[in-house]
Amino acid sequence: MSLNQNKKYETKIASQAAGDEDIYSLNKHTLGPGALAESEWVEAGLVSPNMTSIREYRLQRVRDKLIEFDCAGILLYDPVNI
């Protein structure tokens, strides 16, 4: 019998299908502007920040510095999440 066929051993944490995950759904911080800030942005006529553009900009800055300092790689982590 497969473990997937037995409900007793079915995962309860992060039980979404593996195919539903992508780089953006796996790389989100739980901290953020929140509903209050977002509603204030809407009231003020401001647009939400384009997170894809921000991530791409930050990634390119890191890549440029790696090239500048002749580094083959870098280890990045969130010290709050350790």
Protein backbone atom coordinates (compact mmCIF):
# COMPACT_ATOMS: atom_id res chain seq x y z
CA MET A 1 0.00 0.00 0.00
CA SER A 2 1.31 3.45 -0.90
CA LEU A 3 1.61 6.11 1.80
CA ASN A 4 -0.45 8.43 -0.41
CA GLN A 5 -3.38 6.01 -0.33
CA ASN A 6 -3.60 5.96 3.46
CA LYS A 7 -5.20 9.09 4.99
CA LYS A 8 -3.33 8.51 8.25
CA TYR A 9 -0.05 9.41 6.56
CA GLU A 10 -1.32 12.22 4.36
CA THR A 11 0.52 15.47 4.97
CA LYS A 12 -1.40 18.10 6.91
CA ILE A 13 1.13 20.93 6.62
CA ALA A 14 1.60 22.58 3.21
CA SER A 15 -0.67 19.99 1.67
CA GLN A 16 -1.07 21.78 -1.66
CA ALA A 17 0.02 19.87 -4.70
CA ALA A 18 3.69 20.27 -5.58
CA GLY A 19 2.71 21.42 -9.06
CA ASP A 20 0.93 24.45 -7.59
CA GLU A 21 4.19 25.93 -6.32
CA ASP A 22 6.32 28.32 -8.29
CA ILE A 23 9.28 30.53 -7.48
CA TYR A 24 7.03 33.43 -6.48
CA SER A 25 4.71 31.47 -4.19
CA LEU A 26 7.71 29.97 -2.40
CA ASN A 27 9.55 33.28 -1.99
CA LYS A 28 7.14 35.49 -0.09
CA HIS A 29 7.65 37.04 3.29
CA THR A 30 4.74 36.92 5.70
CA LEU A 31 5.46 40.50 6.66
CA GLY A 32 4.18 43.08 4.25
CA PRO A 33 2.17 46.24 3.93
CA GLY A 34 -1.05 44.56 5.04
CA ALA A 35 -4.68 45.24 4.22
CA LEU A 36 -4.76 48.63 5.96
CA ALA A 37 -1.83 50.04 3.99
CA GLU A 38 -3.15 48.58 0.75
CA SER A 39 -6.58 50.13 1.31
CA GLU A 40 -4.92 53.49 2.05
CA TRP A 41 -2.95 53.21 -1.20
CA VAL A 42 -6.18 52.63 -3.10
CA GLU A 43 -7.86 55.61 -1.40
CA ALA A 44 -4.84 57.80 -2.23
CA GLY A 45 -4.89 56.64 -5.84
CA LEU A 46 -1.51 54.91 -5.58
CA VAL A 47 -0.73 51.72 -7.44
CA SER A 48 0.65 48.65 -5.69
CA PRO A 49 4.37 48.08 -6.18
CA ASN A 50 5.34 45.64 -8.91
CA MET A 51 7.04 42.96 -6.81
CA THR A 52 8.34 41.12 -9.87
CA SER A 53 10.19 44.24 -11.03
CA ILE A 54 11.56 44.86 -7.55
CA ARG A 55 12.83 41.28 -7.23
CA GLU A 56 14.42 41.39 -10.69
CA TYR A 57 16.11 44.72 -9.89
CA ARG A 58 17.50 43.39 -6.59
CA LEU A 59 18.68 40.14 -8.17
CA GLN A 60 20.47 42.05 -10.92
CA ARG A 61 22.23 44.23 -8.33
CA VAL A 62 23.50 41.11 -6.55
CA ARG A 63 24.66 39.58 -9.84
CA ASP A 64 26.48 42.79 -10.79
CA LYS A 65 28.31 42.84 -7.44
CA LEU A 66 29.28 39.17 -7.82
CA ILE A 67 30.86 40.00 -11.16
CA GLU A 68 32.49 43.16 -9.79
CA PHE A 69 34.14 41.27 -6.91
CA ASP A 70 34.87 38.15 -9.01
CA CYS A 71 32.81 35.85 -6.78
CA ALA A 72 31.49 32.55 -8.13
CA GLY A 73 28.59 32.45 -5.69
CA ILE A 74 27.02 33.86 -2.59
CA LEU A 75 25.05 32.52 0.34
CA LEU A 76 22.03 34.66 1.20
CA TYR A 77 19.63 34.03 4.06
CA ASP A 78 17.10 35.77 6.22
CA PRO A 79 18.57 36.08 9.74
CA VAL A 80 15.09 36.49 11.20
CA ASN A 81 14.07 33.10 9.81
CA ILE A 82 16.91 31.10 11.35
